[in-house]
Amino acid sequence: MFDFSVTDWLHDAIGLSIEMQGNLFRSLIAILILWLIQAGMNRYLVSRIEEPAVRYRTRKSVVYLFVFIGVLIVGRIWYTGVRSLATFLGLLTAGIAIALSDLIASFAGWLFIIWRRPFEVGDRIQVGEHSGDVVDQRIFLFTIMEIGNWVDADQTTGRIIHVPNSKVFREPIANYSRGVHFIWNELPILVTFESQWEDAKQILQSIAETATSEVSGTAMVEMRRARSRFLLGDVDLTPRVYTSVEDSGVMLTIRYICDPRRRRASAETLWEEVLRAFAARDDIDFAYPSVRYYDNRSEGKVGARATDPITPANQPRSRSS
């Protein structure tokens, strides 16, 4: 009678020992069971969470938990056949450090992100030359929805950028969403020298205060809260208008706080108010690069006008006796 054994066939055809086949079988069974439990939790528990951010973080936490448990179980299955743990770990660590240095750095970056939390999913950040909103976070990389680049102002380009976690050790990270959830923005407005620039400055100050009154109140509350975590000095959040002189006129720069996700919209609101206010005044006008002729002797101040140089044509003649 023909007697067929799978274990004997694998041993003769591939060279797998009976012990190794048993370890492989137990490992596959353990992974399958953990995967079924994880899938069940995601389907019947995690999927019932209504808040998208909480549901995303919970799903990620479940994945990390079961991966950790799986590593422990599979490692325990295979560890029973290893005689010298120190020798095995030493050779394994040396090989991994040489062959997978980038992956190890990214894994260390992931641990740093989980521990120190320089950013989370949903934050707007800048890493090196890349800026965007964090939309995903994994063991070896995180993903951002790009903003800026060829798009004017801080609006999305539609591109998704995958950034290795190791970047957190090599590039500075700017987080728009931590501490105080507001940033400073400036709006330069140039008026002619002939305009009533002091009146224009008062108009711009009034427009800025009215447009940012609600944001300033919220930012002040967050500033007090942030002082419990960071060494922050007293900061005046009231919008201000600064005066400077340019080649073509008087520069009035509005400095105000705004939501980092609404920087372009806030500038649009201010510009529309400025256009309406200046259109109602006939003594305030915008300046732009131009060429003009200025005669100091006729247009300059009386005490600062140039005098005609003495030339042979207009030099007084002396009379001879």
C-alpha atoms as a PDB file:
ATOM      1  CA  MET A   1       0.000   0.000   0.000  1.00  0.00           C
ATOM      2  CA  PHE A   2       1.309   3.388  -1.001  1.00  0.00           C
ATOM      3  CA  ASP A   3       2.169   5.516   2.020  1.00  0.00           C
ATOM      4  CA  PHE A   4       2.592   9.270   1.377  1.00  0.00           C
ATOM      5  CA  SER A   5       3.727  11.732   4.045  1.00  0.00           C
ATOM      6  CA  VAL A   6       3.894  15.477   3.423  1.00  0.00           C
ATOM      7  CA  THR A   7       6.551  15.974   6.051  1.00  0.00           C
ATOM      8  CA  ASP A   8       8.754  13.268   4.526  1.00  0.00           C
ATOM      9  CA  TRP A   9       8.249  14.749   1.048  1.00  0.00           C
ATOM     10  CA  LEU A  10       9.218  18.253   2.217  1.00  0.00           C
ATOM     11  CA  HIS A  11      12.245  16.813   3.970  1.00  0.00           C
ATOM     12  CA  ASP A  12      13.392  14.904   0.872  1.00  0.00           C
ATOM     13  CA  ALA A  13      12.510  17.586  -1.736  1.00  0.00           C
ATOM     14  CA  ILE A  14      13.441  20.824   0.011  1.00  0.00           C
ATOM     15  CA  GLY A  15      15.556  19.696   2.924  1.00  0.00           C
ATOM     16  CA  LEU A  16      13.276  21.006   5.677  1.00  0.00           C
ATOM     17  CA  SER A  17      13.660  19.104   8.900  1.00  0.00           C
ATOM     18  CA  ILE A  18      10.659  17.851  10.849  1.00  0.00           C
ATOM     19  CA  GLU A  19      11.359  20.385  13.591  1.00  0.00           C
ATOM     20  CA  MET A  20      11.544  23.308  11.155  1.00  0.00           C
ATOM     21  CA  GLN A  21       8.327  22.224   9.442  1.00  0.00           C
ATOM     22  CA  GLY A  22       6.598  22.198  12.812  1.00  0.00           C
ATOM     23  CA  ASN A  23       7.867  25.693  13.589  1.00  0.00           C
ATOM     24  CA  LEU A  24       6.656  26.973  10.227  1.00  0.00           C
ATOM     25  CA  PHE A  25       3.239  25.400  10.709  1.00  0.00           C
ATOM     26  CA  ARG A  26       2.833  26.797  14.227  1.00  0.00           C
ATOM     27  CA  SER A  27       3.988  30.235  13.075  1.00  0.00           C
ATOM     28  CA  LEU A  28       1.451  30.326  10.228  1.00  0.00           C
ATOM     29  CA  ILE A  29      -1.326  29.213  12.559  1.00  0.00           C
ATOM     30  CA  ALA A  30      -0.396  31.909  15.106  1.00  0.00           C
ATOM     31  CA  ILE A  31      -0.287  34.634  12.427  1.00  0.00           C
ATOM     32  CA  LEU A  32      -3.625  33.507  10.972  1.00  0.00           C
ATOM     33  CA  ILE A  33      -5.327  33.519  14.375  1.00  0.00           C
ATOM     34  CA  LEU A  34      -3.976  36.981  15.232  1.00  0.00           C
ATOM     35  CA  TRP A  35      -5.055  38.315  11.825  1.00  0.00           C
ATOM     36  CA  LEU A  36      -8.589  36.969  12.304  1.00  0.00           C
ATOM     37  CA  ILE A  37      -8.835  38.513  15.780  1.00  0.00           C
ATOM     38  CA  GLN A  38      -7.550  41.859  14.478  1.00  0.00           C
ATOM     39  CA  ALA A  39      -9.969  41.812  11.525  1.00  0.00           C
ATOM     40  CA  GLY A  40     -12.839  41.038  13.871  1.00  0.00           C
ATOM     41  CA  MET A  41     -11.955  43.914  16.193  1.00  0.00           C
ATOM     42  CA  ASN A  42     -11.692  46.359  13.287  1.00  0.00           C
ATOM     43  CA  ARG A  43     -15.022  45.233  11.882  1.00  0.00           C
ATOM     44  CA  TYR A  44     -17.146  45.021  15.014  1.00  0.00           C
ATOM     45  CA  LEU A  45     -15.478  47.485  17.393  1.00  0.00           C
ATOM     46  CA  VAL A  46     -13.272  50.054  15.652  1.00  0.00           C
ATOM     47  CA  SER A  47     -15.661  50.621  12.731  1.00  0.00           C
ATOM     48  CA  ARG A  48     -18.372  51.743  15.173  1.00  0.00           C
ATOM     49  CA  ILE A  49     -16.322  54.754  16.325  1.00  0.00           C
ATOM     50  CA  GLU A  50     -17.895  57.783  14.657  1.00  0.00           C
ATOM     51  CA  GLU A  51     -15.060  60.305  15.047  1.00  0.00           C
ATOM     52  CA  PRO A  52     -12.686  59.803  12.055  1.00  0.00           C
ATOM     53  CA  ALA A  53      -9.527  60.872  13.910  1.00  0.00           C
ATOM     54  CA  VAL A  54     -10.259  58.616  16.906  1.00  0.00           C
ATOM     55  CA  ARG A  55     -11.187  55.720  14.614  1.00  0.00           C
ATOM     56  CA  TYR A  56      -7.939  56.117  12.661  1.00  0.00           C
ATOM     57  CA  ARG A  57      -5.754  56.210  15.779  1.00  0.00           C
ATOM     58  CA  THR A  58      -7.573  53.241  17.303  1.00  0.00           C
ATOM     59  CA  ARG A  59      -7.147  51.161  14.146  1.00  0.00           C
ATOM     60  CA  LYS A  60      -3.428  51.980  14.061  1.00  0.00           C
ATOM     61  CA  SER A  61      -3.036  51.095  17.744  1.00  0.00           C
ATOM     62  CA  VAL A  62      -4.732  47.731  17.194  1.00  0.00           C
ATOM     63  CA  VAL A  63      -2.383  46.958  14.286  1.00  0.00           C
ATOM     64  CA  TYR A  64       0.716  47.855  16.327  1.00  0.00           C
ATOM     65  CA  LEU A  65      -0.509  45.783  19.269  1.00  0.00           C
ATOM     66  CA  PHE A  66      -1.092  42.635  17.233  1.00  0.00           C
ATOM     67  CA  VAL A  67       2.190  43.026  15.346  1.00  0.00           C
ATOM     68  CA  PHE A  68       4.002  43.208  18.684  1.00  0.00           C
ATOM     69  CA  ILE A  69       2.149  40.142  20.002  1.00  0.00           C
ATOM     70  CA  GLY A  70       2.873  38.266  16.768  1.00  0.00           C
ATOM     71  CA  VAL A  71       6.588  39.008  17.001  1.00  0.00           C
ATOM     72  CA  LEU A  72       6.664  37.695  20.564  1.00  0.00           C
ATOM     73  CA  ILE A  73       4.770  34.511  19.720  1.00  0.00           C
ATOM     74  CA  VAL A  74       6.692  33.682  16.539  1.00  0.00           C
ATOM     75  CA  GLY A  75       9.968  34.544  18.238  1.00  0.00           C
ATOM     76  CA  ARG A  76       9.103  32.208  21.094  1.00  0.00           C
ATOM     77  CA  ILE A  77       8.323  29.407  18.627  1.00  0.00           C
ATOM     78  CA  TRP A  78      11.655  29.694  16.892  1.00  0.00           C
ATOM     79  CA  TYR A  79      13.702  30.523  19.971  1.00  0.00           C
ATOM     80  CA  THR A  80      13.337  26.980  21.318  1.00  0.00           C
ATOM     81  CA  GLY A  81      15.683  25.715  18.609  1.00  0.00           C
ATOM     82  CA  VAL A  82      18.457  28.227  19.261  1.00  0.00           C
ATOM     83  CA  ARG A  83      21.250  27.103  21.563  1.00  0.00           C
ATOM     84  CA  SER A  84      23.128  30.330  22.162  1.00  0.00           C
ATOM     85  CA  LEU A  85      20.863  33.358  22.365  1.00  0.00           C
ATOM     86  CA  ALA A  86      23.738  35.829  22.780  1.00  0.00           C
ATOM     87  CA  THR A  87      25.554  34.564  19.669  1.00  0.00           C
ATOM     88  CA  PHE A  88      22.375  34.530  17.626  1.00  0.00           C
ATOM     89  CA  LEU A  89      21.345  38.050  18.638  1.00  0.00           C
ATOM     90  CA  GLY A  90      24.845  39.391  18.059  1.00  0.00           C
ATOM     91  CA  LEU A  91      25.079  38.036  14.530  1.00  0.00           C
ATOM     92  CA  LEU A  92      21.508  39.084  13.769  1.00  0.00           C
ATOM     93  CA  THR A  93      22.010  42.616  15.056  1.00  0.00           C
ATOM     94  CA  ALA A  94      25.271  43.088  13.136  1.00  0.00           C
ATOM     95  CA  GLY A  95      23.727  41.861   9.894  1.00  0.00           C
ATOM     96  CA  ILE A  96      20.625  43.980  10.264  1.00  0.00           C
ATOM     97  CA  ALA A  97      22.614  47.093  11.189  1.00  0.00           C
ATOM     98  CA  ILE A  98      24.693  46.829   8.007  1.00  0.00           C
ATOM     99  CA  ALA A  99      22.029  45.745   5.531  1.00  0.00           C
ATOM    100  CA  LEU A 100      19.048  47.676   6.851  1.00  0.00           C
ATOM    101  CA  SER A 101      20.518  50.862   8.285  1.00  0.00           C
ATOM    102  CA  ASP A 102      17.933  53.110   6.618  1.00  0.00           C
ATOM    103  CA  LEU A 103      15.047  50.967   7.817  1.00  0.00           C
ATOM    104  CA  ILE A 104      16.452  50.912  11.350  1.00  0.00           C
ATOM    105  CA  ALA A 105      16.754  54.710  11.321  1.00  0.00           C
ATOM    106  CA  SER A 106      13.164  54.990  10.088  1.00  0.00           C
ATOM    107  CA  PHE A 107      11.986  52.564  12.779  1.00  0.00           C
ATOM    108  CA  ALA A 108      13.835  54.598  15.415  1.00  0.00           C
ATOM    109  CA  GLY A 109      12.184  57.702  13.963  1.00  0.00           C
ATOM    110  CA  TRP A 110       8.796  56.039  14.344  1.00  0.00           C
ATOM    111  CA  LEU A 111       9.533  55.283  18.013  1.00  0.00           C
ATOM    112  CA  PHE A 112      10.580  58.907  18.496  1.00  0.00           C
ATOM    113  CA  ILE A 113       7.350  60.145  16.861  1.00  0.00           C
ATOM    114  CA  ILE A 114       5.249  57.843  19.054  1.00  0.00           C
ATOM    115  CA  TRP A 115       7.145  58.833  22.208  1.00  0.00           C
ATOM    116  CA  ARG A 116       7.753  62.568  21.805  1.00  0.00           C
ATOM    117  CA  ARG A 117       4.866  63.301  19.397  1.00  0.00           C
ATOM    118  CA  PRO A 118       6.405  66.191  17.412  1.00  0.00           C
ATOM    119  CA  PHE A 119       3.337  65.840  15.200  1.00  0.00           C
ATOM    120  CA  GLU A 120       0.212  63.712  14.809  1.00  0.00           C
ATOM    121  CA  VAL A 121      -2.143  62.803  12.007  1.00  0.00           C
ATOM    122  CA  GLY A 122      -4.043  65.946  11.063  1.00  0.00           C
ATOM    123  CA  ASP A 123      -1.239  68.406  11.930  1.00  0.00           C
ATOM    124  CA  ARG A 124       0.149  70.797   9.334  1.00  0.00           C
ATOM    125  CA  ILE A 125       3.940  70.517   9.316  1.00  0.00           C
ATOM    126  CA  GLN A 126       7.052  71.359   7.328  1.00  0.00           C
ATOM    127  CA  VAL A 127       9.923  68.858   7.121  1.00  0.00           C
ATOM    128  CA  GLY A 128      12.870  70.238   5.196  1.00  0.00           C
ATOM    129  CA  GLU A 129      11.492  71.623   1.937  1.00  0.00           C
ATOM    130  CA  HIS A 130       8.206  69.705   2.132  1.00  0.00           C
ATOM    131  CA  SER A 131       5.078  71.163   3.743  1.00  0.00           C
ATOM    132  CA  GLY A 132       1.651  69.635   4.133  1.00  0.00           C
ATOM    133  CA  ASP A 133      -0.988  68.020   6.313  1.00  0.00           C
ATOM    134  CA  VAL A 134      -0.117  64.665   7.901  1.00  0.00           C
ATOM    135  CA  VAL A 135      -2.651  62.126   6.601  1.00  0.00           C
ATOM    136  CA  ASP A 136      -1.015  58.826   7.578  1.00  0.00           C
ATOM    137  CA  GLN A 137       1.679  57.514   9.900  1.00  0.00           C
ATOM    138  CA  ARG A 138       3.368  54.125   9.645  1.00  0.00           C
ATOM    139  CA  ILE A 139       6.356  52.263  11.055  1.00  0.00           C
ATOM    140  CA  PHE A 140       8.822  53.326   8.357  1.00  0.00           C
ATOM    141  CA  LEU A 141       7.267  56.466   6.863  1.00  0.00           C
ATOM    142  CA  PHE A 142       4.577  59.088   7.244  1.00  0.00           C
ATOM    143  CA  THR A 143       2.469  60.665   4.515  1.00  0.00           C
ATOM    144  CA  ILE A 144       1.584  64.325   3.974  1.00  0.00           C
ATOM    145  CA  MET A 145      -0.803  66.070   1.611  1.00  0.00           C
ATOM    146  CA  GLU A 146       1.445  68.701   0.037  1.00  0.00           C
ATOM    147  CA  ILE A 147       0.704  72.421   0.234  1.00  0.00           C
ATOM    148  CA  GLY A 148       2.428  75.367  -1.432  1.00  0.00           C
ATOM    149  CA  ASN A 149       5.100  74.527  -4.013  1.00  0.00           C
ATOM    150  CA  TRP A 150       3.784  75.904  -7.337  1.00  0.00           C
ATOM    151  CA  VAL A 151       0.441  76.837  -5.709  1.00  0.00           C
ATOM    152  CA  ASP A 152       0.359  80.363  -4.334  1.00  0.00           C
ATOM    153  CA  ALA A 153      -0.258  80.524  -0.564  1.00  0.00           C
ATOM    154  CA  ASP A 154      -0.709  77.553   1.761  1.00  0.00           C
ATOM    155  CA  GLN A 155      -3.191  75.518  -0.253  1.00  0.00           C
ATOM    156  CA  THR A 156      -2.960  71.890  -1.293  1.00  0.00           C
ATOM    157  CA  THR A 157      -1.372  70.853  -4.560  1.00  0.00           C
ATOM    158  CA  GLY A 158      -3.142  67.481  -4.629  1.00  0.00           C
ATOM    159  CA  ARG A 159       0.103  65.524  -4.355  1.00  0.00           C
ATOM    160  CA  ILE A 160       0.766  62.981  -1.595  1.00  0.00           C
ATOM    161  CA  ILE A 161       4.372  62.804  -0.363  1.00  0.00           C
ATOM    162  CA  HIS A 162       5.763  59.820   1.550  1.00  0.00           C
ATOM    163  CA  VAL A 163       8.518  60.900   3.955  1.00  0.00           C
ATOM    164  CA  PRO A 164      10.800  58.383   5.753  1.00  0.00           C
ATOM    165  CA  ASN A 165      10.557  58.573   9.524  1.00  0.00           C
ATOM    166  CA  SER A 166      14.335  59.000   9.663  1.00  0.00           C
ATOM    167  CA  LYS A 167      13.803  62.585   8.445  1.00  0.00           C
ATOM    168  CA  VAL A 168      12.840  63.598  11.990  1.00  0.00           C
ATOM    169  CA  PHE A 169      16.510  63.165  12.965  1.00  0.00           C
ATOM    170  CA  ARG A 170      17.976  64.885   9.893  1.00  0.00           C
ATOM    171  CA  GLU A 171      15.613  67.770   9.130  1.00  0.00           C
ATOM    172  CA  PRO A 172      14.032  70.470  11.312  1.00  0.00           C
ATOM    173  CA  ILE A 173      10.298  70.011  11.850  1.00  0.00           C
ATOM    174  CA  ALA A 174       7.961  73.009  11.905  1.00  0.00           C
ATOM    175  CA  ASN A 175       4.503  72.289  13.298  1.00  0.00           C
ATOM    176  CA  TYR A 176       1.759  74.797  12.472  1.00  0.00           C
ATOM    177  CA  SER A 177      -0.757  73.077  14.752  1.00  0.00           C
ATOM    178  CA  ARG A 178       1.047  72.794  18.112  1.00  0.00           C
ATOM    179  CA  GLY A 179       1.292  75.299  20.933  1.00  0.00           C
ATOM    180  CA  VAL A 180      -0.737  78.225  19.582  1.00  0.00           C
ATOM    181  CA  HIS A 181      -2.779  77.186  16.552  1.00  0.00           C
ATOM    182  CA  PHE A 182      -2.220  80.529  14.824  1.00  0.00           C
ATOM    183  CA  ILE A 183       0.553  82.155  12.812  1.00  0.00           C
ATOM    184  CA  TRP A 184       1.521  85.711  11.997  1.00  0.00           C
ATOM    185  CA  ASN A 185       0.919  86.976   8.489  1.00  0.00           C
ATOM    186  CA  GLU A 186       1.857  90.285   6.856  1.00  0.00           C
ATOM    187  CA  LEU A 187       0.087  92.243   4.132  1.00  0.00           C
ATOM    188  CA  PRO A 188       2.179  95.023   2.515  1.00  0.00           C
ATOM    189  CA  ILE A 189       0.208  97.956   1.037  1.00  0.00           C
ATOM    190  CA  LEU A 190       2.001 100.724  -0.877  1.00  0.00           C
ATOM    191  CA  VAL A 191       0.492 104.233  -1.180  1.00  0.00           C
ATOM    192  CA  THR A 192       1.864 107.272  -3.002  1.00  0.00           C
ATOM    193  CA  PHE A 193       3.893 109.953  -1.275  1.00  0.00           C
ATOM    194  CA  GLU A 194       1.131 112.464  -2.046  1.00  0.00           C
ATOM    195  CA  SER A 195      -1.517 110.349  -0.243  1.00  0.00           C
ATOM    196  CA  GLN A 196      -2.662 111.081   3.276  1.00  0.00           C
ATOM    197  CA  TRP A 197      -0.655 108.139   4.588  1.00  0.00           C
ATOM    198  CA  GLU A 198      -1.529 108.802   8.235  1.00  0.00           C
ATOM    199  CA  ASP A 199      -5.238 108.502   7.456  1.00  0.00           C
ATOM    200  CA  ALA A 200      -4.506 105.389   5.391  1.00  0.00           C
ATOM    201  CA  LYS A 201      -2.652 103.884   8.348  1.00  0.00           C
ATOM    202  CA  GLN A 202      -5.604 104.495  10.674  1.00  0.00           C
ATOM    203  CA  ILE A 203      -7.975 102.922   8.142  1.00  0.00           C
ATOM    204  CA  LEU A 204      -5.791  99.817   7.842  1.00  0.00           C
ATOM    205  CA  GLN A 205      -5.493  99.535  11.635  1.00  0.00           C
ATOM    206  CA  SER A 206      -9.256  99.658  12.016  1.00  0.00           C
ATOM    207  CA  ILE A 207      -9.797  97.071   9.266  1.00  0.00           C
ATOM    208  CA  ALA A 208      -7.240  94.678  10.773  1.00  0.00           C
ATOM    209  CA  GLU A 209      -8.666  94.937  14.300  1.00  0.00           C
ATOM    210  CA  THR A 210     -12.218  94.327  13.091  1.00  0.00           C
ATOM    211  CA  ALA A 211     -11.281  91.382  10.849  1.00  0.00           C
ATOM    212  CA  THR A 212      -9.161  89.596  13.488  1.00  0.00           C
ATOM    213  CA  SER A 213     -11.065  90.369  16.694  1.00  0.00           C
ATOM    214  CA  GLU A 214     -12.509  86.854  17.053  1.00  0.00           C
ATOM    215  CA  VAL A 215      -9.229  85.135  16.171  1.00  0.00           C
ATOM    216  CA  SER A 216      -7.265  87.318  18.589  1.00  0.00           C
ATOM    217  CA  GLY A 217      -9.517  86.343  21.503  1.00  0.00           C
ATOM    218  CA  THR A 218      -9.135  82.630  20.799  1.00  0.00           C
ATOM    219  CA  ALA A 219      -5.389  82.964  20.289  1.00  0.00           C
ATOM    220  CA  MET A 220      -5.007  84.732  23.637  1.00  0.00           C
ATOM    221  CA  VAL A 221      -6.661  81.804  25.430  1.00  0.00           C
ATOM    222  CA  GLU A 222      -4.397  79.305  23.654  1.00  0.00           C
ATOM    223  CA  MET A 223      -1.345  81.445  24.438  1.00  0.00           C
ATOM    224  CA  ARG A 224      -2.088  81.237  28.171  1.00  0.00           C
ATOM    225  CA  ARG A 225      -2.505  77.476  27.848  1.00  0.00           C
ATOM    226  CA  ALA A 226       0.748  77.117  25.907  1.00  0.00           C
ATOM    227  CA  ARG A 227       2.717  78.955  28.616  1.00  0.00           C
ATOM    228  CA  SER A 228       2.236  75.935  30.871  1.00  0.00           C
ATOM    229  CA  ARG A 229       4.303  73.839  28.432  1.00  0.00           C
ATOM    230  CA  PHE A 230       6.716  76.304  26.815  1.00  0.00           C
ATOM    231  CA  LEU A 231       8.770  79.265  27.982  1.00  0.00           C
ATOM    232  CA  LEU A 232       6.834  81.967  26.172  1.00  0.00           C
ATOM    233  CA  GLY A 233       7.116  85.661  26.887  1.00  0.00           C
ATOM    234  CA  ASP A 234       4.361  88.235  26.722  1.00  0.00           C
ATOM    235  CA  VAL A 235       3.244  88.616  23.114  1.00  0.00           C
ATOM    236  CA  ASP A 236       0.901  91.355  21.946  1.00  0.00           C
ATOM    237  CA  LEU A 237      -1.594  89.675  19.622  1.00  0.00           C
ATOM    238  CA  THR A 238      -3.198  92.955  18.565  1.00  0.00           C
ATOM    239  CA  PRO A 239      -2.723  93.585  14.825  1.00  0.00           C
ATOM    240  CA  ARG A 240      -0.405  96.444  13.955  1.00  0.00           C
ATOM    241  CA  VAL A 241       0.398  98.545  10.916  1.00  0.00           C
ATOM    242  CA  TYR A 242       4.070  99.373  10.363  1.00  0.00           C
ATOM    243  CA  THR A 243       5.354 102.276   8.268  1.00  0.00           C
ATOM    244  CA  SER A 244       8.376 102.275   5.986  1.00  0.00           C
ATOM    245  CA  VAL A 245       9.487 104.132   2.855  1.00  0.00           C
ATOM    246  CA  GLU A 246      10.056 102.490  -0.518  1.00  0.00           C
ATOM    247  CA  ASP A 247      11.189 103.880  -3.849  1.00  0.00           C
ATOM    248  CA  SER A 248       7.646 104.280  -5.148  1.00  0.00           C
ATOM    249  CA  GLY A 249       5.823 105.440  -2.007  1.00  0.00           C
ATOM    250  CA  VAL A 250       5.008 104.805   1.645  1.00  0.00           C
ATOM    251  CA  MET A 251       4.768 101.134   2.631  1.00  0.00           C
ATOM    252  CA  LEU A 252       2.093 100.304   5.224  1.00  0.00           C
ATOM    253  CA  THR A 253       2.434  96.681   6.373  1.00  0.00           C
ATOM    254  CA  ILE A 254      -0.420  95.010   8.255  1.00  0.00           C
ATOM    255  CA  ARG A 255       0.824  92.360  10.680  1.00  0.00           C
ATOM    256  CA  TYR A 256      -1.927  90.132  12.074  1.00  0.00           C
ATOM    257  CA  ILE A 257      -2.576  86.593  13.314  1.00  0.00           C
ATOM    258  CA  CYS A 258      -4.599  84.050  11.390  1.00  0.00           C
ATOM    259  CA  ASP A 259      -5.439  80.368  11.164  1.00  0.00           C
ATOM    260  CA  PRO A 260      -2.609  78.659   9.207  1.00  0.00           C
ATOM    261  CA  ARG A 261      -5.200  76.874   7.062  1.00  0.00           C
ATOM    262  CA  ARG A 262      -6.930  80.170   6.204  1.00  0.00           C
ATOM    263  CA  ARG A 263      -3.986  82.425   5.482  1.00  0.00           C
ATOM    264  CA  ARG A 264      -5.004  83.069   1.893  1.00  0.00           C
ATOM    265  CA  ALA A 265      -8.672  83.571   2.794  1.00  0.00           C
ATOM    266  CA  SER A 266      -7.790  86.050   5.541  1.00  0.00           C
ATOM    267  CA  ALA A 267      -5.576  88.053   3.168  1.00  0.00           C
ATOM    268  CA  GLU A 268      -8.409  88.126   0.629  1.00  0.00           C
ATOM    269  CA  THR A 269     -10.832  89.468   3.238  1.00  0.00           C
ATOM    270  CA  LEU A 270      -8.442  92.232   4.273  1.00  0.00           C
ATOM    271  CA  TRP A 271      -7.651  93.202   0.682  1.00  0.00           C
ATOM    272  CA  GLU A 272     -11.339  93.517  -0.205  1.00  0.00           C
ATOM    273  CA  GLU A 273     -11.946  95.779   2.800  1.00  0.00           C
ATOM    274  CA  VAL A 274      -8.904  97.901   1.907  1.00  0.00           C
ATOM    275  CA  LEU A 275     -10.039  98.308  -1.702  1.00  0.00           C
ATOM    276  CA  ARG A 276     -13.497  99.457  -0.596  1.00  0.00           C
ATOM    277  CA  ALA A 277     -12.075 101.885   1.983  1.00  0.00           C
ATOM    278  CA  PHE A 278      -9.502 103.452  -0.368  1.00  0.00           C
ATOM    279  CA  ALA A 279     -12.057 103.750  -3.183  1.00  0.00           C
ATOM    280  CA  ALA A 280     -14.126 106.029  -0.931  1.00  0.00           C
ATOM    281  CA  ARG A 281     -11.195 108.429  -0.413  1.00  0.00           C
ATOM    282  CA  ASP A 282      -9.946 110.798  -3.099  1.00  0.00           C
ATOM    283  CA  ASP A 283      -6.794 111.680  -1.131  1.00  0.00           C
ATOM    284  CA  ILE A 284      -5.419 108.121  -0.821  1.00  0.00           C
ATOM    285  CA  ASP A 285      -4.082 106.214  -3.806  1.00  0.00           C
ATOM    286  CA  PHE A 286      -2.092 103.048  -4.370  1.00  0.00           C
ATOM    287  CA  ALA A 287       1.484 103.402  -5.566  1.00  0.00           C
ATOM    288  CA  TYR A 288       3.223 101.282  -8.152  1.00  0.00           C
ATOM    289  CA  PRO A 289       6.632 101.367  -9.859  1.00  0.00           C
ATOM    290  CA  SER A 290       6.691 104.398 -12.164  1.00  0.00           C
ATOM    291  CA  VAL A 291       8.980 107.083 -13.575  1.00  0.00           C
ATOM    292  CA  ARG A 292       8.263 110.706 -12.669  1.00  0.00           C
ATOM    293  CA  TYR A 293       9.993 114.043 -13.124  1.00  0.00           C
ATOM    294  CA  TYR A 294      10.579 116.085  -9.989  1.00  0.00           C
ATOM    295  CA  ASP A 295      11.762 119.720 -10.161  1.00  0.00           C
ATOM    296  CA  ASN A 296      13.149 120.554  -6.759  1.00  0.00           C
ATOM    297  CA  ARG A 297      13.374 124.293  -7.487  1.00  0.00           C
ATOM    298  CA  SER A 298       9.645 124.560  -8.145  1.00  0.00           C
ATOM    299  CA  GLU A 299       8.169 121.620  -6.223  1.00  0.00           C
ATOM    300  CA  GLY A 300      10.491 121.275  -3.251  1.00  0.00           C
ATOM    301  CA  LYS A 301      10.012 122.817   0.175  1.00  0.00           C
ATOM    302  CA  VAL A 302      10.882 126.464   0.383  1.00  0.00           C
ATOM    303  CA  GLY A 303      13.745 125.942   2.783  1.00  0.00           C
ATOM    304  CA  ALA A 304      15.077 122.913   0.887  1.00  0.00           C
ATOM    305  CA  ARG A 305      14.968 124.166  -2.703  1.00  0.00           C
ATOM    306  CA  ALA A 306      18.131 124.193  -4.763  1.00  0.00           C
ATOM    307  CA  THR A 307      19.577 127.574  -5.818  1.00  0.00           C
ATOM    308  CA  ASP A 308      20.790 128.466  -9.303  1.00  0.00           C
ATOM    309  CA  PRO A 309      24.539 127.997  -9.602  1.00  0.00           C
ATOM    310  CA  ILE A 310      26.611 131.028 -10.466  1.00  0.00           C
ATOM    311  CA  THR A 311      27.676 130.894 -14.108  1.00  0.00           C
ATOM    312  CA  PRO A 312      29.275 133.452 -16.449  1.00  0.00           C
ATOM    313  CA  ALA A 313      25.837 134.004 -18.000  1.00  0.00           C
ATOM    314  CA  ASN A 314      24.122 135.118 -14.779  1.00  0.00           C
ATOM    315  CA  GLN A 315      27.197 136.477 -12.911  1.00  0.00           C
ATOM    316  CA  PRO A 316      26.737 140.194 -12.080  1.00  0.00           C
ATOM    317  CA  ARG A 317      29.054 142.503 -14.029  1.00  0.00           C
ATOM    318  CA  SER A 318      31.223 145.054 -12.199  1.00  0.00           C
ATOM    319  CA  ARG A 319      31.258 148.655 -13.427  1.00  0.00           C
ATOM    320  CA  SER A 320      34.532 150.340 -14.153  1.00  0.00           C
ATOM    321  CA  SER A 321      34.936 153.970 -13.062  1.00  0.00           C
END
